[in-house]
Every structure is written in C-alpha cells, then in structure tokens.
Amino acid sequence: MGQMSAWYVLPSCGIYPVCPGETRFEITSPTFDRIDIIGGKEKKFSIIAVNDGPGNVFIQAARLNGKDYRKCYLDYQQILQGGTLELRMADKPNKNWGIEE
C-alpha cells in the first residue's frame, strides 16, 4: 500500500512523521542536499541541507523562511503553507539545538 516507501522517503527528505494521524513531523538529518515538496495550492516547501556530506549528519541550526528556528519539529500546516527550511549540518551534534518547546 505504499506505507513502507513513505516511511523511507519522508525521513530521507529531512522530516519524520512519528505518530500516524498526528500533524507533527520531527526534523531529521536529510539524505539530500535539497528537496522540494509541492503542497497545498501548488505552494513549494523546500528543505536545504547546508554543508551536507559524508559524516556531516548532525543538525547544528535551522532557519525557517529566513528566521532562526529552534524547534525540532514542524507542523503539517507549516509545510502546506510553503517556504524554506534550511538546515546547517556538521560532524558533531549541537546539543542546544532543537530543545525549545
């Protein structure tokens, strides 16, 4: 039914739906340098991994639509509205990123 492929594709994009039926997507380390998702009303949501590469699998910081973003998740509605999520990647974790409620 395609569910297994969806569980692979979304985390490869940098988002992960932890609980079916919930609108929260955890932000994960993307496999791709850039991915574009076409959402509601043809709005594009882009996920860009800056400094991505072998070994640089840890998110150091994030920017959503040009503003610092300190949460480790997105809501489905944020994706549908379109915009850009930029993730700065490195080889060591930033334990201060993604801890904001």
PDB file of N, CA and C in Angstrom:
ATOM      1  N   MET A   1       0.811  -1.196   0.000  1.00  0.00           N
ATOM      2  CA  MET A   1       0.000   0.000   0.000  1.00  0.00           C
ATOM      3  C   MET A   1       0.849   1.252   0.000  1.00  0.00           C
ATOM      4  N   GLY A   2       2.139   1.118  -0.086  1.00  0.00           N
ATOM      5  CA  GLY A   2       2.994   2.280  -0.190  1.00  0.00           C
ATOM      6  C   GLY A   2       3.469   2.832   1.137  1.00  0.00           C
ATOM      7  N   GLN A   3       2.971   2.330   2.238  1.00  0.00           N
ATOM      8  CA  GLN A   3       3.341   2.892   3.535  1.00  0.00           C
ATOM      9  C   GLN A   3       4.829   2.739   3.833  1.00  0.00           C
ATOM     10  N   MET A   4       5.403   1.604   3.526  1.00  0.00           N
ATOM     11  CA  MET A   4       6.831   1.418   3.801  1.00  0.00           C
ATOM     12  C   MET A   4       7.677   2.402   2.999  1.00  0.00           C
ATOM     13  N   SER A   5       7.294   2.669   1.766  1.00  0.00           N
ATOM     14  CA  SER A   5       8.065   3.626   0.983  1.00  0.00           C
ATOM     15  C   SER A   5       7.913   5.034   1.545  1.00  0.00           C
ATOM     16  N   ALA A   6       6.733   5.382   2.052  1.00  0.00           N
ATOM     17  CA  ALA A   6       6.530   6.705   2.644  1.00  0.00           C
ATOM     18  C   ALA A   6       7.392   6.871   3.886  1.00  0.00           C
ATOM     19  N   TRP A   7       7.527   5.832   4.687  1.00  0.00           N
ATOM     20  CA  TRP A   7       8.342   5.907   5.888  1.00  0.00           C
ATOM     21  C   TRP A   7       9.821   6.021   5.551  1.00  0.00           C
ATOM     22  N   TYR A   8      10.225   5.627   4.346  1.00  0.00           N
ATOM     23  CA  TYR A   8      11.612   5.815   3.913  1.00  0.00           C
ATOM     24  C   TYR A   8      11.798   7.195   3.275  1.00  0.00           C
ATOM     25  N   VAL A   9      10.891   7.568   2.403  1.00  0.00           N
ATOM     26  CA  VAL A   9      11.039   8.804   1.628  1.00  0.00           C
ATOM     27  C   VAL A   9      11.018  10.036   2.525  1.00  0.00           C
ATOM     28  N   LEU A  10      10.067  10.134   3.427  1.00  0.00           N
ATOM     29  CA  LEU A  10       9.969  11.336   4.260  1.00  0.00           C
ATOM     30  C   LEU A  10      11.206  11.561   5.131  1.00  0.00           C
ATOM     31  N   PRO A  11      11.709  10.557   5.844  1.00  0.00           N
ATOM     32  CA  PRO A  11      12.944  10.804   6.609  1.00  0.00           C
ATOM     33  C   PRO A  11      14.134  11.150   5.710  1.00  0.00           C
ATOM     34  N   SER A  12      14.163  10.617   4.509  1.00  0.00           N
ATOM     35  CA  SER A  12      15.236  10.971   3.572  1.00  0.00           C
ATOM     36  C   SER A  12      15.153  12.443   3.184  1.00  0.00           C
ATOM     37  N   CYS A  13      13.947  12.995   3.229  1.00  0.00           N
ATOM     38  CA  CYS A  13      13.754  14.413   2.929  1.00  0.00           C
ATOM     39  C   CYS A  13      14.147  15.302   4.106  1.00  0.00           C
ATOM     40  N   GLY A  14      14.154  14.733   5.309  1.00  0.00           N
ATOM     41  CA  GLY A  14      14.509  15.508   6.494  1.00  0.00           C
ATOM     42  C   GLY A  14      13.356  15.719   7.459  1.00  0.00           C
ATOM     43  N   ILE A  15      12.237  15.018   7.240  1.00  0.00           N
ATOM     44  CA  ILE A  15      11.099  15.097   8.159  1.00  0.00           C
ATOM     45  C   ILE A  15      10.590  13.683   8.421  1.00  0.00           C
ATOM     46  N   TYR A  16      10.072  13.471   9.618  1.00  0.00           N
ATOM     47  CA  TYR A  16       9.654  12.134  10.004  1.00  0.00           C
ATOM     48  C   TYR A  16       8.340  12.190  10.773  1.00  0.00           C
ATOM     49  N   PRO A  17       7.288  11.547  10.255  1.00  0.00           N
ATOM     50  CA  PRO A  17       6.012  11.529  10.969  1.00  0.00           C
ATOM     51  C   PRO A  17       6.044  10.466  12.071  1.00  0.00           C
ATOM     52  N   VAL A  18       6.242  10.871  13.293  1.00  0.00           N
ATOM     53  CA  VAL A  18       6.424   9.933  14.388  1.00  0.00           C
ATOM     54  C   VAL A  18       5.168   9.114  14.664  1.00  0.00           C
ATOM     55  N   CYS A  19       4.019   9.758  14.648  1.00  0.00           N
ATOM     56  CA  CYS A  19       2.785   9.077  15.023  1.00  0.00           C
ATOM     57  C   CYS A  19       1.736   9.243  13.917  1.00  0.00           C
ATOM     58  N   PRO A  20       1.280   8.140  13.329  1.00  0.00           N
ATOM     59  CA  PRO A  20       0.232   8.240  12.302  1.00  0.00           C
ATOM     60  C   PRO A  20      -0.990   8.979  12.850  1.00  0.00           C
ATOM     61  N   GLY A  21      -1.522   9.870  12.043  1.00  0.00           N
ATOM     62  CA  GLY A  21      -2.687  10.639  12.443  1.00  0.00           C
ATOM     63  C   GLY A  21      -2.357  11.961  13.112  1.00  0.00           C
ATOM     64  N   GLU A  22      -1.118  12.146  13.525  1.00  0.00           N
ATOM     65  CA  GLU A  22      -0.685  13.413  14.110  1.00  0.00           C
ATOM     66  C   GLU A  22      -0.135  14.310  13.003  1.00  0.00           C
ATOM     67  N   THR A  23      -0.160  15.607  13.215  1.00  0.00           N
ATOM     68  CA  THR A  23       0.312  16.544  12.198  1.00  0.00           C
ATOM     69  C   THR A  23       1.754  16.984  12.433  1.00  0.00           C
ATOM     70  N   ARG A  24       2.394  16.430  13.435  1.00  0.00           N
ATOM     71  CA  ARG A  24       3.769  16.816  13.788  1.00  0.00           C
ATOM     72  C   ARG A  24       4.772  15.953  13.021  1.00  0.00           C
ATOM     73  N   PHE A  25       5.759  16.624  12.431  1.00  0.00           N
ATOM     74  CA  PHE A  25       6.856  15.971  11.733  1.00  0.00           C
ATOM     75  C   PHE A  25       8.156  16.344  12.423  1.00  0.00           C
ATOM     76  N   GLU A  26       8.896  15.370  12.906  1.00  0.00           N
ATOM     77  CA  GLU A  26      10.204  15.627  13.501  1.00  0.00           C
ATOM     78  C   GLU A  26      11.192  15.987  12.389  1.00  0.00           C
ATOM     79  N   ILE A  27      12.088  16.905  12.663  1.00  0.00           N
ATOM     80  CA  ILE A  27      13.124  17.280  11.698  1.00  0.00           C
ATOM     81  C   ILE A  27      14.289  16.323  11.886  1.00  0.00           C
ATOM     82  N   THR A  28      14.709  15.704  10.795  1.00  0.00           N
ATOM     83  CA  THR A  28      15.778  14.715  10.842  1.00  0.00           C
ATOM     84  C   THR A  28      16.909  15.117   9.898  1.00  0.00           C
ATOM     85  N   SER A  29      17.957  14.374   9.937  1.00  0.00           N
ATOM     86  CA  SER A  29      19.085  14.595   9.043  1.00  0.00           C
ATOM     87  C   SER A  29      18.706  14.147   7.633  1.00  0.00           C
ATOM     88  N   PRO A  30      18.645  15.069   6.670  1.00  0.00           N
ATOM     89  CA  PRO A  30      18.225  14.680   5.324  1.00  0.00           C
ATOM     90  C   PRO A  30      19.309  13.921   4.563  1.00  0.00           C
ATOM     91  N   THR A  31      18.870  13.114   3.636  1.00  0.00           N
ATOM     92  CA  THR A  31      19.771  12.381   2.754  1.00  0.00           C
ATOM     93  C   THR A  31      20.199  13.254   1.576  1.00  0.00           C
ATOM     94  N   PHE A  32      19.350  14.196   1.213  1.00  0.00           N
ATOM     95  CA  PHE A  32      19.562  15.013   0.020  1.00  0.00           C
ATOM     96  C   PHE A  32      20.013  16.420   0.386  1.00  0.00           C
ATOM     97  N   ASP A  33      20.742  17.067  -0.530  1.00  0.00           N
ATOM     98  CA  ASP A  33      21.147  18.465  -0.320  1.00  0.00           C
ATOM     99  C   ASP A  33      19.951  19.406  -0.389  1.00  0.00           C
ATOM    100  N   ARG A  34      18.977  19.044  -1.229  1.00  0.00           N
ATOM    101  CA  ARG A  34      17.778  19.868  -1.393  1.00  0.00           C
ATOM    102  C   ARG A  34      16.623  18.984  -1.834  1.00  0.00           C
ATOM    103  N   ILE A  35      15.474  19.277  -1.274  1.00  0.00           N
ATOM    104  CA  ILE A  35      14.249  18.590  -1.680  1.00  0.00           C
ATOM    105  C   ILE A  35      13.137  19.633  -1.739  1.00  0.00           C
ATOM    106  N   ASP A  36      12.294  19.549  -2.740  1.00  0.00           N
ATOM    107  CA  ASP A  36      11.152  20.447  -2.871  1.00  0.00           C
ATOM    108  C   ASP A  36       9.874  19.619  -2.776  1.00  0.00           C
ATOM    109  N   ILE A  37       8.982  20.041  -1.887  1.00  0.00           N
ATOM    110  CA  ILE A  37       7.699  19.378  -1.704  1.00  0.00           C
ATOM    111  C   ILE A  37       6.627  20.345  -2.190  1.00  0.00           C
ATOM    112  N   ILE A  38       5.799  19.897  -3.121  1.00  0.00           N
ATOM    113  CA  ILE A  38       4.697  20.727  -3.609  1.00  0.00           C
ATOM    114  C   ILE A  38       3.479  20.403  -2.758  1.00  0.00           C
ATOM    115  N   GLY A  39       2.996  21.412  -2.040  1.00  0.00           N
ATOM    116  CA  GLY A  39       1.891  21.198  -1.108  1.00  0.00           C
ATOM    117  C   GLY A  39       0.606  21.823  -1.593  1.00  0.00           C
ATOM    118  N   GLY A  40      -0.182  22.280  -0.650  1.00  0.00           N
ATOM    119  CA  GLY A  40      -1.483  22.864  -0.944  1.00  0.00           C
ATOM    120  C   GLY A  40      -1.396  24.053  -1.877  1.00  0.00           C
ATOM    121  N   LYS A  41      -2.310  24.093  -2.808  1.00  0.00           N
ATOM    122  CA  LYS A  41      -2.407  25.192  -3.782  1.00  0.00           C
ATOM    123  C   LYS A  41      -1.093  25.451  -4.494  1.00  0.00           C
ATOM    124  N   GLU A  42      -0.371  24.351  -4.781  1.00  0.00           N
ATOM    125  CA  GLU A  42       0.889  24.427  -5.540  1.00  0.00           C
ATOM    126  C   GLU A  42       1.973  25.240  -4.843  1.00  0.00           C
ATOM    127  N   LYS A  43       1.902  25.349  -3.530  1.00  0.00           N
ATOM    128  CA  LYS A  43       2.962  26.030  -2.791  1.00  0.00           C
ATOM    129  C   LYS A  43       4.110  25.066  -2.565  1.00  0.00           C
ATOM    130  N   LYS A  44       5.316  25.570  -2.716  1.00  0.00           N
ATOM    131  CA  LYS A  44       6.516  24.735  -2.599  1.00  0.00           C
ATOM    132  C   LYS A  44       7.160  24.925  -1.233  1.00  0.00           C
ATOM    133  N   PHE A  45       7.491  23.795  -0.587  1.00  0.00           N
ATOM    134  CA  PHE A  45       8.237  23.806   0.653  1.00  0.00           C
ATOM    135  C   PHE A  45       9.575  23.143   0.366  1.00  0.00           C
ATOM    136  N   SER A  46      10.663  23.872   0.565  1.00  0.00           N
ATOM    137  CA  SER A  46      11.999  23.366   0.266  1.00  0.00           C
ATOM    138  C   SER A  46      12.748  23.072   1.562  1.00  0.00           C
ATOM    139  N   ILE A  47      13.481  21.967   1.553  1.00  0.00           N
ATOM    140  CA  ILE A  47      14.378  21.632   2.648  1.00  0.00           C
ATOM    141  C   ILE A  47      15.781  21.601   2.069  1.00  0.00           C
ATOM    142  N   ILE A  48      16.653  22.463   2.604  1.00  0.00           N
ATOM    143  CA  ILE A  48      18.009  22.605   2.088  1.00  0.00           C
ATOM    144  C   ILE A  48      18.994  22.246   3.195  1.00  0.00           C
ATOM    145  N   ALA A  49      19.892  21.335   2.900  1.00  0.00           N
ATOM    146  CA  ALA A  49      20.938  20.945   3.853  1.00  0.00           C
ATOM    147  C   ALA A  49      22.233  21.630   3.450  1.00  0.00           C
ATOM    148  N   VAL A  50      22.692  22.564   4.278  1.00  0.00           N
ATOM    149  CA  VAL A  50      23.922  23.305   4.027  1.00  0.00           C
ATOM    150  C   VAL A  50      25.075  22.559   4.688  1.00  0.00           C
ATOM    151  N   ASN A  51      26.174  22.399   3.969  1.00  0.00           N
ATOM    152  CA  ASN A  51      27.356  21.681   4.452  1.00  0.00           C
ATOM    153  C   ASN A  51      27.062  20.188   4.636  1.00  0.00           C
ATOM    154  N   ASP A  52      26.146  19.686   3.833  1.00  0.00           N
ATOM    155  CA  ASP A  52      25.801  18.269   3.879  1.00  0.00           C
ATOM    156  C   ASP A  52      26.915  17.456   3.229  1.00  0.00           C
ATOM    157  N   GLY A  53      27.135  16.278   3.711  1.00  0.00           N
ATOM    158  CA  GLY A  53      28.146  15.415   3.116  1.00  0.00           C
ATOM    159  C   GLY A  53      28.452  14.254   4.037  1.00  0.00           C
ATOM    160  N   PRO A  54      29.321  13.368   3.592  1.00  0.00           N
ATOM    161  CA  PRO A  54      29.671  12.202   4.412  1.00  0.00           C
ATOM    162  C   PRO A  54      30.172  12.635   5.796  1.00  0.00           C
ATOM    163  N   GLY A  55      29.552  12.104   6.801  1.00  0.00           N
ATOM    164  CA  GLY A  55      29.949  12.429   8.164  1.00  0.00           C
ATOM    165  C   GLY A  55      29.243  13.631   8.759  1.00  0.00           C
ATOM    166  N   ASN A  56      28.741  14.519   7.939  1.00  0.00           N
ATOM    167  CA  ASN A  56      28.028  15.701   8.445  1.00  0.00           C
ATOM    168  C   ASN A  56      26.538  15.378   8.547  1.00  0.00           C
ATOM    169  N   VAL A  57      26.205  14.638   9.572  1.00  0.00           N
ATOM    170  CA  VAL A  57      24.832  14.149   9.714  1.00  0.00           C
ATOM    171  C   VAL A  57      24.085  14.787  10.882  1.00  0.00           C
ATOM    172  N   PHE A  58      24.726  15.734  11.557  1.00  0.00           N
ATOM    173  CA  PHE A  58      24.102  16.357  12.718  1.00  0.00           C
ATOM    174  C   PHE A  58      23.640  17.768  12.379  1.00  0.00           C
ATOM    175  N   ILE A  59      22.422  18.088  12.785  1.00  0.00           N
ATOM    176  CA  ILE A  59      21.873  19.425  12.563  1.00  0.00           C
ATOM    177  C   ILE A  59      22.455  20.366  13.616  1.00  0.00           C
ATOM    178  N   GLN A  60      23.086  21.438  13.139  1.00  0.00           N
ATOM    179  CA  GLN A  60      23.665  22.441  14.032  1.00  0.00           C
ATOM    180  C   GLN A  60      22.682  23.566  14.315  1.00  0.00           C
ATOM    181  N   ALA A  61      21.935  23.949  13.291  1.00  0.00           N
ATOM    182  CA  ALA A  61      20.993  25.061  13.402  1.00  0.00           C
ATOM    183  C   ALA A  61      20.000  24.954  12.253  1.00  0.00           C
ATOM    184  N   ALA A  62      18.877  25.629  12.426  1.00  0.00           N
ATOM    185  CA  ALA A  62      17.851  25.632  11.378  1.00  0.00           C
ATOM    186  C   ALA A  62      17.318  27.050  11.202  1.00  0.00           C
ATOM    187  N   ARG A  63      16.883  27.323   9.981  1.00  0.00           N
ATOM    188  CA  ARG A  63      16.216  28.580   9.668  1.00  0.00           C
ATOM    189  C   ARG A  63      14.963  28.234   8.886  1.00  0.00           C
ATOM    190  N   LEU A  64      13.849  28.802   9.307  1.00  0.00           N
ATOM    191  CA  LEU A  64      12.584  28.606   8.604  1.00  0.00           C
ATOM    192  C   LEU A  64      12.165  29.941   8.023  1.00  0.00           C
ATOM    193  N   ASN A  65      12.101  29.998   6.715  1.00  0.00           N
ATOM    194  CA  ASN A  65      11.750  31.230   5.996  1.00  0.00           C
ATOM    195  C   ASN A  65      12.628  32.404   6.416  1.00  0.00           C
ATOM    196  N   GLY A  66      13.930  32.118   6.558  1.00  0.00           N
ATOM    197  CA  GLY A  66      14.901  33.163   6.842  1.00  0.00           C
ATOM    198  C   GLY A  66      15.060  33.534   8.308  1.00  0.00           C
ATOM    199  N   LYS A  67      14.299  32.897   9.203  1.00  0.00           N
ATOM    200  CA  LYS A  67      14.380  33.210  10.626  1.00  0.00           C
ATOM    201  C   LYS A  67      14.884  31.985  11.382  1.00  0.00           C
ATOM    202  N   ASP A  68      15.674  32.237  12.439  1.00  0.00           N
ATOM    203  CA  ASP A  68      16.156  31.124  13.260  1.00  0.00           C
ATOM    204  C   ASP A  68      14.981  30.283  13.730  1.00  0.00           C
ATOM    205  N   TYR A  69      15.151  28.968  13.688  1.00  0.00           N
ATOM    206  CA  TYR A  69      14.105  28.035  14.092  1.00  0.00           C
ATOM    207  C   TYR A  69      14.727  27.042  15.062  1.00  0.00           C
ATOM    208  N   ARG A  70      14.274  27.057  16.309  1.00  0.00           N
ATOM    209  CA  ARG A  70      14.909  26.261  17.355  1.00  0.00           C
ATOM    210  C   ARG A  70      14.120  25.015  17.744  1.00  0.00           C
ATOM    211  N   LYS A  71      13.000  24.778  17.100  1.00  0.00           N
ATOM    212  CA  LYS A  71      12.212  23.584  17.401  1.00  0.00           C
ATOM    213  C   LYS A  71      12.715  22.407  16.571  1.00  0.00           C
ATOM    214  N   CYS A  72      12.522  21.209  17.075  1.00  0.00           N
ATOM    215  CA  CYS A  72      12.977  20.013  16.363  1.00  0.00           C
ATOM    216  C   CYS A  72      11.849  19.382  15.551  1.00  0.00           C
ATOM    217  N   TYR A  73      10.784  20.122  15.320  1.00  0.00           N
ATOM    218  CA  TYR A  73       9.640  19.593  14.576  1.00  0.00           C
ATOM    219  C   TYR A  73       8.957  20.698  13.782  1.00  0.00           C
ATOM    220  N   LEU A  74       8.152  20.260  12.818  1.00  0.00           N
ATOM    221  CA  LEU A  74       7.294  21.143  12.036  1.00  0.00           C
ATOM    222  C   LEU A  74       5.879  20.603  12.124  1.00  0.00           C
ATOM    223  N   ASP A  75       4.913  21.461  11.886  1.00  0.00           N
ATOM    224  CA  ASP A  75       3.539  21.010  11.754  1.00  0.00           C
ATOM    225  C   ASP A  75       3.210  20.907  10.267  1.00  0.00           C
ATOM    226  N   TYR A  76       2.342  19.987   9.948  1.00  0.00           N
ATOM    227  CA  TYR A  76       1.928  19.759   8.557  1.00  0.00           C
ATOM    228  C   TYR A  76       1.472  21.056   7.889  1.00  0.00           C
ATOM    229  N   GLN A  77       0.779  21.920   8.627  1.00  0.00           N
ATOM    230  CA  GLN A  77       0.296  23.176   8.058  1.00  0.00           C
ATOM    231  C   GLN A  77       1.446  24.093   7.650  1.00  0.00           C
ATOM    232  N   GLN A  78       2.545  24.055   8.387  1.00  0.00           N
ATOM    233  CA  GLN A  78       3.715  24.851   8.002  1.00  0.00           C
ATOM    234  C   GLN A  78       4.259  24.390   6.655  1.00  0.00           C
ATOM    235  N   ILE A  79       4.246  23.105   6.422  1.00  0.00           N
ATOM    236  CA  ILE A  79       4.726  22.558   5.147  1.00  0.00           C
ATOM    237  C   ILE A  79       3.783  22.965   4.021  1.00  0.00           C
ATOM    238  N   LEU A  80       2.467  22.868   4.259  1.00  0.00           N
ATOM    239  CA  LEU A  80       1.481  23.221   3.237  1.00  0.00           C
ATOM    240  C   LEU A  80       1.533  24.695   2.854  1.00  0.00           C
ATOM    241  N   GLN A  81       1.919  25.555   3.787  1.00  0.00           N
ATOM    242  CA  GLN A  81       1.981  26.993   3.508  1.00  0.00           C
ATOM    243  C   GLN A  81       3.122  27.350   2.569  1.00  0.00           C
ATOM    244  N   GLY A  82       4.080  26.446   2.421  1.00  0.00           N
ATOM    245  CA  GLY A  82       5.229  26.715   1.573  1.00  0.00           C
ATOM    246  C   GLY A  82       6.307  27.459   2.344  1.00  0.00           C
ATOM    247  N   GLY A  83       7.479  27.506   1.765  1.00  0.00           N
ATOM    248  CA  GLY A  83       8.587  28.200   2.397  1.00  0.00           C
ATOM    249  C   GLY A  83       9.862  27.394   2.285  1.00  0.00           C
ATOM    250  N   THR A  84      10.837  27.738   3.108  1.00  0.00           N
ATOM    251  CA  THR A  84      12.142  27.079   3.064  1.00  0.00           C
ATOM    252  C   THR A  84      12.632  26.773   4.477  1.00  0.00           C
ATOM    253  N   LEU A  85      13.032  25.527   4.669  1.00  0.00           N
ATOM    254  CA  LEU A  85      13.693  25.107   5.894  1.00  0.00           C
ATOM    255  C   LEU A  85      15.149  24.848   5.537  1.00  0.00           C
ATOM    256  N   GLU A  86      16.040  25.622   6.128  1.00  0.00           N
ATOM    257  CA  GLU A  86      17.474  25.465   5.870  1.00  0.00           C
ATOM    258  C   GLU A  86      18.118  24.840   7.099  1.00  0.00           C
ATOM    259  N   LEU A  87      18.807  23.729   6.884  1.00  0.00           N
ATOM    260  CA  LEU A  87      19.462  23.017   7.974  1.00  0.00           C
ATOM    261  C   LEU A  87      20.972  23.111   7.807  1.00  0.00           C
ATOM    262  N   ARG A  88      21.671  23.591   8.816  1.00  0.00           N
ATOM    263  CA  ARG A  88      23.140  23.622   8.806  1.00  0.00           C
ATOM    264  C   ARG A  88      23.642  22.329   9.418  1.00  0.00           C
ATOM    265  N   MET A  89      24.447  21.599   8.671  1.00  0.00           N
ATOM    266  CA  MET A  89      24.899  20.277   9.067  1.00  0.00           C
ATOM    267  C   MET A  89      26.369  20.306   9.484  1.00  0.00           C
ATOM    268  N   ALA A  90      26.751  19.377  10.378  1.00  0.00           N
ATOM    269  CA  ALA A  90      28.151  19.248  10.809  1.00  0.00           C
ATOM    270  C   ALA A  90      28.397  17.813  11.275  1.00  0.00           C
ATOM    271  N   ASP A  91      29.648  17.546  11.641  1.00  0.00           N
ATOM    272  CA  ASP A  91      30.016  16.182  12.033  1.00  0.00           C
ATOM    273  C   ASP A  91      29.849  15.912  13.529  1.00  0.00           C
ATOM    274  N   LYS A  92      29.454  16.926  14.293  1.00  0.00           N
ATOM    275  CA  LYS A  92      29.226  16.745  15.723  1.00  0.00           C
ATOM    276  C   LYS A  92      27.853  17.337  16.082  1.00  0.00           C
ATOM    277  N   PRO A  93      27.169  16.743  17.041  1.00  0.00           N
ATOM    278  CA  PRO A  93      25.849  17.272  17.403  1.00  0.00           C
ATOM    279  C   PRO A  93      25.930  18.601  18.147  1.00  0.00           C
ATOM    280  N   ASN A  94      24.924  19.417  17.962  1.00  0.00           N
ATOM    281  CA  ASN A  94      24.747  20.641  18.741  1.00  0.00           C
ATOM    282  C   ASN A  94      23.647  20.326  19.752  1.00  0.00           C
ATOM    283  N   LYS A  95      24.019  20.087  20.975  1.00  0.00           N
ATOM    284  CA  LYS A  95      23.060  19.654  21.985  1.00  0.00           C
ATOM    285  C   LYS A  95      22.129  20.777  22.437  1.00  0.00           C
ATOM    286  N   ASN A  96      22.364  21.985  21.947  1.00  0.00           N
ATOM    287  CA  ASN A  96      21.488  23.107  22.274  1.00  0.00           C
ATOM    288  C   ASN A  96      20.453  23.393  21.206  1.00  0.00           C
ATOM    289  N   TRP A  97      20.552  22.720  20.063  1.00  0.00           N
ATOM    290  CA  TRP A  97      19.564  22.921  19.007  1.00  0.00           C
ATOM    291  C   TRP A  97      18.382  21.978  19.195  1.00  0.00           C
ATOM    292  N   GLY A  98      17.193  22.470  18.925  1.00  0.00           N
ATOM    293  CA  GLY A  98      16.009  21.614  18.938  1.00  0.00           C
ATOM    294  C   GLY A  98      15.470  21.303  20.318  1.00  0.00           C
ATOM    295  N   ILE A  99      15.855  22.096  21.311  1.00  0.00           N
ATOM    296  CA  ILE A  99      15.392  21.812  22.665  1.00  0.00           C
ATOM    297  C   ILE A  99      14.260  22.734  23.084  1.00  0.00           C
ATOM    298  N   GLU A 100      13.915  23.712  22.228  1.00  0.00           N
ATOM    299  CA  GLU A 100      12.828  24.635  22.551  1.00  0.00           C
ATOM    300  C   GLU A 100      11.499  23.913  22.399  1.00  0.00           C
ATOM    301  N   GLU A 101      10.589  24.147  23.336  1.00  0.00           N
ATOM    302  CA  GLU A 101       9.266  23.509  23.274  1.00  0.00           C
ATOM    303  C   GLU A 101       8.381  24.206  22.283  1.00  0.00           C
TER     304      GLU A 101
END
